[in-house]
Amino acid sequence: MISETPSDQGAGAIVGANVREVRQALGWSQVTLGQKTGLRQGYISAIERGERCPSLERLLDLARAFGVAPARLLVVPTGKGGAG
C-alpha cells in the first residue's frame, strides 16, 4: 500500500495505484493483464509498485485493455475501488 498522502505521490505511484485498483476490480491477475496488453508481468508489477512509470503508449495500451479512458489511470486514487 502506498503510504504517502495523495498530494505527495509521484506520477508513477498514482498510475500504479490506479492500474492495480482497476485490474483488481475486474478480477484480473497481472498475468491476465499482461496477456491482454503484451506487457510482461514483471513490468506490470513494477508499475503497480510505483517503481516504473509507463510511457504514454503503454498507458494507452493499459487503458484500452481495461476499457477505460486514459485519464482514469491518471487521477489521484480514492481508495474506494471500482473500474471507473
C-alpha atoms as a PDB file:
ATOM      1  CA  MET A   1       0.000   0.000   0.000  1.00  0.00           C
ATOM      2  CA  ILE A   2       1.212   3.485  -0.809  1.00  0.00           C
ATOM      3  CA  SER A   3       1.744   5.362   2.443  1.00  0.00           C
ATOM      4  CA  GLU A   4       2.118   8.925   1.184  1.00  0.00           C
ATOM      5  CA  THR A   5      -0.811  11.292   1.046  1.00  0.00           C
ATOM      6  CA  PRO A   6      -2.172  11.743  -2.493  1.00  0.00           C
ATOM      7  CA  SER A   7      -0.556  15.157  -2.875  1.00  0.00           C
ATOM      8  CA  ASP A   8       2.853  13.640  -2.019  1.00  0.00           C
ATOM      9  CA  GLN A   9       2.615  10.804  -4.549  1.00  0.00           C
ATOM     10  CA  GLY A  10       4.616  10.943  -7.748  1.00  0.00           C
ATOM     11  CA  ALA A  11       3.051  10.229 -11.111  1.00  0.00           C
ATOM     12  CA  GLY A  12       4.369   6.656 -11.118  1.00  0.00           C
ATOM     13  CA  ALA A  13       2.768   5.884  -7.754  1.00  0.00           C
ATOM     14  CA  ILE A  14      -0.554   7.373  -8.844  1.00  0.00           C
ATOM     15  CA  VAL A  15      -0.629   5.455 -12.123  1.00  0.00           C
ATOM     16  CA  GLY A  16       0.464   2.278 -10.353  1.00  0.00           C
ATOM     17  CA  ALA A  17      -2.247   2.536  -7.723  1.00  0.00           C
ATOM     18  CA  ASN A  18      -4.872   3.108 -10.417  1.00  0.00           C
ATOM     19  CA  VAL A  19      -3.654   0.197 -12.548  1.00  0.00           C
ATOM     20  CA  ARG A  20      -3.823  -2.095  -9.503  1.00  0.00           C
ATOM     21  CA  GLU A  21      -7.266  -0.767  -8.493  1.00  0.00           C
ATOM     22  CA  VAL A  22      -8.822  -1.236 -11.934  1.00  0.00           C
ATOM     23  CA  ARG A  23      -7.137  -4.605 -12.516  1.00  0.00           C
ATOM     24  CA  GLN A  24      -8.382  -5.966  -9.202  1.00  0.00           C
ATOM     25  CA  ALA A  25     -11.881  -4.555  -9.752  1.00  0.00           C
ATOM     26  CA  LEU A  26     -12.000  -6.541 -12.998  1.00  0.00           C
ATOM     27  CA  GLY A  27     -10.789  -9.663 -11.195  1.00  0.00           C
ATOM     28  CA  TRP A  28      -7.692  -9.926 -13.394  1.00  0.00           C
ATOM     29  CA  SER A  29      -4.277 -11.185 -12.368  1.00  0.00           C
ATOM     30  CA  GLN A  30      -1.151  -9.393 -13.514  1.00  0.00           C
ATOM     31  CA  VAL A  31      -0.599 -12.302 -15.901  1.00  0.00           C
ATOM     32  CA  THR A  32      -4.043 -11.781 -17.440  1.00  0.00           C
ATOM     33  CA  LEU A  33      -3.364  -8.060 -17.875  1.00  0.00           C
ATOM     34  CA  GLY A  34      -0.040  -8.943 -19.476  1.00  0.00           C
ATOM     35  CA  GLN A  35      -1.752 -11.242 -21.940  1.00  0.00           C
ATOM     36  CA  LYS A  36      -4.234  -8.525 -22.878  1.00  0.00           C
ATOM     37  CA  THR A  37      -1.571  -5.817 -23.317  1.00  0.00           C
ATOM     38  CA  GLY A  38       1.517  -7.724 -24.436  1.00  0.00           C
ATOM     39  CA  LEU A  39       3.388  -6.442 -21.370  1.00  0.00           C
ATOM     40  CA  ARG A  40       5.444  -8.680 -19.096  1.00  0.00           C
ATOM     41  CA  GLN A  41       4.051  -9.487 -15.657  1.00  0.00           C
ATOM     42  CA  GLY A  42       7.236  -8.160 -14.055  1.00  0.00           C
ATOM     43  CA  TYR A  43       6.792  -4.797 -15.785  1.00  0.00           C
ATOM     44  CA  ILE A  44       3.156  -4.600 -14.665  1.00  0.00           C
ATOM     45  CA  SER A  45       4.231  -5.429 -11.123  1.00  0.00           C
ATOM     46  CA  ALA A  46       6.839  -2.641 -11.201  1.00  0.00           C
ATOM     47  CA  ILE A  47       4.189  -0.188 -12.463  1.00  0.00           C
ATOM     48  CA  GLU A  48       1.814  -1.153  -9.668  1.00  0.00           C
ATOM     49  CA  ARG A  49       4.561  -0.704  -7.065  1.00  0.00           C
ATOM     50  CA  GLY A  50       5.305   2.767  -8.457  1.00  0.00           C
ATOM     51  CA  GLU A  51       8.815   1.720  -9.486  1.00  0.00           C
ATOM     52  CA  ARG A  52       8.159   2.238 -13.201  1.00  0.00           C
ATOM     53  CA  CYS A  53       6.031   4.895 -14.869  1.00  0.00           C
ATOM     54  CA  PRO A  54       4.646   3.674 -18.195  1.00  0.00           C
ATOM     55  CA  SER A  55       5.169   5.667 -21.360  1.00  0.00           C
ATOM     56  CA  LEU A  56       2.141   7.308 -22.922  1.00  0.00           C
ATOM     57  CA  GLU A  57       1.921   4.446 -25.415  1.00  0.00           C
ATOM     58  CA  ARG A  58       1.901   1.828 -22.635  1.00  0.00           C
ATOM     59  CA  LEU A  59      -0.619   3.889 -20.647  1.00  0.00           C
ATOM     60  CA  LEU A  60      -2.905   3.844 -23.687  1.00  0.00           C
ATOM     61  CA  ASP A  61      -2.425   0.070 -24.020  1.00  0.00           C
ATOM     62  CA  LEU A  62      -3.443  -0.385 -20.384  1.00  0.00           C
ATOM     63  CA  ALA A  63      -6.481   1.885 -20.711  1.00  0.00           C
ATOM     64  CA  ARG A  64      -7.641   0.060 -23.869  1.00  0.00           C
ATOM     65  CA  ALA A  65      -7.282  -3.326 -22.186  1.00  0.00           C
ATOM     66  CA  PHE A  66      -9.306  -2.099 -19.210  1.00  0.00           C
ATOM     67  CA  GLY A  67     -11.906  -0.382 -21.387  1.00  0.00           C
ATOM     68  CA  VAL A  68     -11.453   2.938 -19.566  1.00  0.00           C
ATOM     69  CA  ALA A  69     -10.417   6.432 -20.581  1.00  0.00           C
ATOM     70  CA  PRO A  70      -6.663   7.015 -20.155  1.00  0.00           C
ATOM     71  CA  ALA A  71      -7.493   9.798 -17.681  1.00  0.00           C
ATOM     72  CA  ARG A  72      -8.873   7.105 -15.329  1.00  0.00           C
ATOM     73  CA  LEU A  73      -5.304   5.907 -14.781  1.00  0.00           C
ATOM     74  CA  LEU A  74      -4.031   9.410 -14.018  1.00  0.00           C
ATOM     75  CA  VAL A  75      -6.413  10.590 -11.286  1.00  0.00           C
ATOM     76  CA  VAL A  76      -5.407  10.538  -7.630  1.00  0.00           C
ATOM     77  CA  PRO A  77      -6.888   7.253  -6.342  1.00  0.00           C
ATOM     78  CA  THR A  78      -9.731   7.452  -3.871  1.00  0.00           C
ATOM     79  CA  GLY A  79      -9.095   4.019  -2.381  1.00  0.00           C
ATOM     80  CA  LYS A  80     -12.762   3.106  -2.861  1.00  0.00           C
ATOM     81  CA  GLY A  81     -12.175   0.540  -5.638  1.00  0.00           C
ATOM     82  CA  GLY A  82     -14.088   0.194  -8.879  1.00  0.00           C
ATOM     83  CA  ALA A  83     -13.159   0.190 -12.520  1.00  0.00           C
ATOM     84  CA  GLY A  84     -14.166   3.711 -13.322  1.00  0.00           C
END
